[in-house]
Amino acid sequence: MNTPVDAALLGDLINAADADNITKHVVGAVIPNAEGRVLLLHRTADDYLGGLWELPSGGVDAGETLTEALGREVAEETGLTVTVIGTYLGHFDYLSKSGKKTRQFNFTATTTHDSDTVTLTEHDAHLWADRTAQARVSSAVRSVLAIWHEQAAR
């Protein structure tokens, strides 16, 4: 996996989260397809935040870097393999199901996939969302997508 994200930036992100008393780290991926649609996943109704459309995302395990976690989580949730982790798109904070202060760090990601085939393991649906359908996500994820759109337009 190619990771042009600066290692110093990744360290600074973790240090800033620690300074803010964040106790859980999560990574999220903005994965566009060839048509510029973004992969969104739908949480099952009986899950924490059930019914929410979200980016492929998940927790960082002990001893794992943010980029290692991103590759693992995308593969686990979608069956897609991350080939490149691109730009850091910012973060947002929330309380996890267990009440932990959580920070989600978001990056662009390129994957290898045939005809956008996604294999779900934790979600009940997926969508390659155009700009209109991207409005289905939370306001925090909408902000991340707005940054991605702004950068893609440059």
Protein backbone atom coordinates (compact mmCIF):
# COMPACT_ATOMS: atom_id res chain seq x y z
CA MET A 1 0.00 0.00 0.00
CA ASN A 2 1.36 3.39 -1.02
CA THR A 3 1.03 6.02 1.70
CA PRO A 4 2.10 9.51 0.65
CA VAL A 5 0.73 10.87 3.95
CA ASP A 6 3.61 12.33 5.93
CA ALA A 7 4.57 10.22 8.98
CA ALA A 8 5.16 13.39 11.00
CA LEU A 9 1.59 14.51 10.28
CA LEU A 10 0.26 11.17 11.51
CA GLY A 11 2.24 11.55 14.74
CA ASP A 12 0.99 15.10 15.19
CA LEU A 13 -2.61 13.92 14.74
CA ILE A 14 -2.24 11.30 17.49
CA ASN A 15 -0.47 13.77 19.80
CA ALA A 16 -3.23 16.35 19.30
CA ALA A 17 -5.90 13.72 20.02
CA ASP A 18 -4.07 12.69 23.19
CA ALA A 19 -3.85 16.35 24.28
CA ASP A 20 -7.63 16.59 23.77
CA ASN A 21 -8.17 13.53 26.02
CA ILE A 22 -9.41 11.41 23.12
CA THR A 23 -9.37 7.77 24.23
CA LYS A 24 -10.38 5.97 21.03
CA HIS A 25 -9.05 6.47 17.50
CA VAL A 26 -11.05 5.61 14.38
CA VAL A 27 -10.14 6.00 10.71
CA GLY A 28 -12.48 6.72 7.81
CA ALA A 29 -11.96 6.49 4.05
CA VAL A 30 -13.38 8.58 1.24
CA ILE A 31 -13.22 6.07 -1.63
CA PRO A 32 -14.30 7.49 -5.00
CA ASN A 33 -14.94 5.32 -8.04
CA ALA A 34 -14.10 6.17 -11.65
CA GLU A 35 -17.33 8.20 -11.99
CA GLY A 36 -16.53 10.29 -8.91
CA ARG A 37 -19.15 8.62 -6.73
CA VAL A 38 -18.17 7.91 -3.11
CA LEU A 39 -18.65 4.62 -1.31
CA LEU A 40 -21.08 4.85 1.61
CA LEU A 41 -22.07 2.03 3.95
CA HIS A 42 -25.39 1.67 5.82
CA ARG A 43 -25.38 0.64 9.49
CA THR A 44 -27.86 -2.07 10.42
CA ALA A 45 -30.92 -0.90 12.35
CA ASP A 46 -29.95 -2.81 15.50
CA ASP A 47 -26.36 -1.44 15.56
CA TYR A 48 -25.13 1.63 17.44
CA LEU A 49 -26.21 4.62 15.33
CA GLY A 50 -28.35 2.20 13.34
CA GLY A 51 -29.65 3.40 9.99
CA LEU A 52 -26.78 5.84 9.49
CA TRP A 53 -24.98 6.07 6.15
CA GLU A 54 -21.26 6.44 6.73
CA LEU A 55 -17.80 6.17 5.23
CA PRO A 56 -15.97 2.86 5.51
CA SER A 57 -14.41 3.28 8.93
CA GLY A 58 -13.34 1.55 12.09
CA GLY A 59 -11.18 1.49 15.16
CA VAL A 60 -7.41 1.60 15.33
CA ASP A 61 -6.06 -1.44 17.18
CA ALA A 62 -3.25 -1.22 19.75
CA GLY A 63 0.13 -0.98 18.05
CA GLU A 64 -1.42 -0.14 14.69
CA THR A 65 -0.79 3.07 12.75
CA LEU A 66 -3.65 5.13 11.33
CA THR A 67 -2.77 4.05 7.81
CA GLU A 68 -2.47 0.36 8.73
CA ALA A 69 -5.88 0.55 10.39
CA LEU A 70 -7.39 2.25 7.34
CA GLY A 71 -6.25 -0.51 5.02
CA ARG A 72 -7.43 -3.24 7.39
CA GLU A 73 -10.84 -1.66 8.09
CA VAL A 74 -11.62 -1.02 4.42
CA ALA A 75 -10.74 -4.64 3.59
CA GLU A 76 -12.77 -6.00 6.52
CA GLU A 77 -15.88 -3.92 5.81
CA THR A 78 -15.90 -3.91 2.00
CA GLY A 79 -13.58 -6.59 0.64
CA LEU A 80 -11.70 -3.85 -1.24
CA THR A 81 -7.92 -3.50 -1.04
CA VAL A 82 -6.50 -0.04 -0.42
CA THR A 83 -3.63 0.64 -2.82
CA VAL A 84 -3.02 4.32 -2.00
CA ILE A 85 -3.87 6.44 1.02
CA GLY A 86 -3.96 10.03 -0.14
CA THR A 87 -4.89 13.29 1.51
CA TYR A 88 -5.83 13.79 5.14
CA LEU A 89 -9.34 15.32 5.12
CA GLY A 90 -9.72 16.29 8.76
CA HIS A 91 -11.36 14.71 11.76
CA PHE A 92 -14.46 14.83 13.91
CA ASP A 93 -15.14 13.75 17.47
CA TYR A 94 -18.03 11.81 18.98
CA LEU A 95 -18.86 9.51 21.88
CA SER A 96 -18.61 5.79 21.11
CA LYS A 97 -21.20 3.23 22.13
CA SER A 98 -19.15 2.62 25.30
CA GLY A 99 -19.04 6.36 26.03
CA LYS A 100 -15.39 6.87 25.03
CA LYS A 101 -14.28 10.17 23.53
CA THR A 102 -13.56 9.13 19.94
CA ARG A 103 -11.83 10.91 17.09
CA GLN A 104 -12.31 9.79 13.48
CA PHE A 105 -9.39 10.68 11.21
CA ASN A 106 -10.44 10.77 7.55
CA PHE A 107 -8.33 10.18 4.43
CA THR A 108 -8.84 9.68 0.73
CA ALA A 109 -8.17 6.13 -0.42
CA THR A 110 -7.77 4.42 -3.76
CA THR A 111 -8.75 0.76 -3.98
CA THR A 112 -8.48 -2.06 -6.45
CA HIS A 113 -11.92 -3.22 -7.42
CA ASP A 114 -13.76 -4.70 -10.37
CA SER A 115 -16.92 -2.88 -11.37
CA ASP A 116 -17.29 -1.43 -7.87
CA THR A 117 -18.05 -4.86 -6.33
CA VAL A 118 -18.30 -4.53 -2.56
CA THR A 119 -18.56 -7.43 -0.13
CA LEU A 120 -20.27 -6.30 3.07
CA THR A 121 -19.50 -7.91 6.44
CA GLU A 122 -20.81 -5.41 9.02
CA HIS A 123 -23.33 -3.28 7.13
CA ASP A 124 -26.62 -4.11 5.43
CA ALA A 125 -26.20 -1.98 2.29
CA HIS A 126 -23.75 0.09 0.32
CA LEU A 127 -24.10 2.88 -2.19
CA TRP A 128 -21.78 4.52 -4.68
CA ALA A 129 -23.21 7.95 -3.89
CA ASP A 130 -23.32 10.89 -6.25
CA ARG A 131 -23.18 14.36 -4.74
CA THR A 132 -26.94 14.41 -4.04
CA ALA A 133 -26.94 11.01 -2.31
CA GLN A 134 -23.93 12.05 -0.22
CA ALA A 135 -26.32 14.28 1.74
CA ARG A 136 -27.59 11.12 3.50
CA VAL A 137 -24.58 11.10 5.85
CA SER A 138 -24.16 12.92 9.17
CA SER A 139 -23.21 16.59 9.21
CA ALA A 140 -19.69 15.61 10.36
CA VAL A 141 -19.20 13.34 7.33
CA ARG A 142 -20.76 15.99 5.05
CA SER A 143 -18.00 18.35 6.22
CA VAL A 144 -15.33 15.77 5.34
CA LEU A 145 -16.89 15.24 1.91
CA ALA A 146 -17.01 19.01 1.36
CA ILE A 147 -13.25 19.18 1.96
CA TRP A 148 -12.75 16.27 -0.45
CA HIS A 149 -14.88 17.98 -3.13
CA GLU A 150 -12.97 21.23 -2.67
CA GLN A 151 -9.62 19.46 -3.05
CA ALA A 152 -10.82 17.41 -6.04
CA ALA A 153 -11.89 20.62 -7.81
CA ARG A 154 -8.36 22.04 -7.68
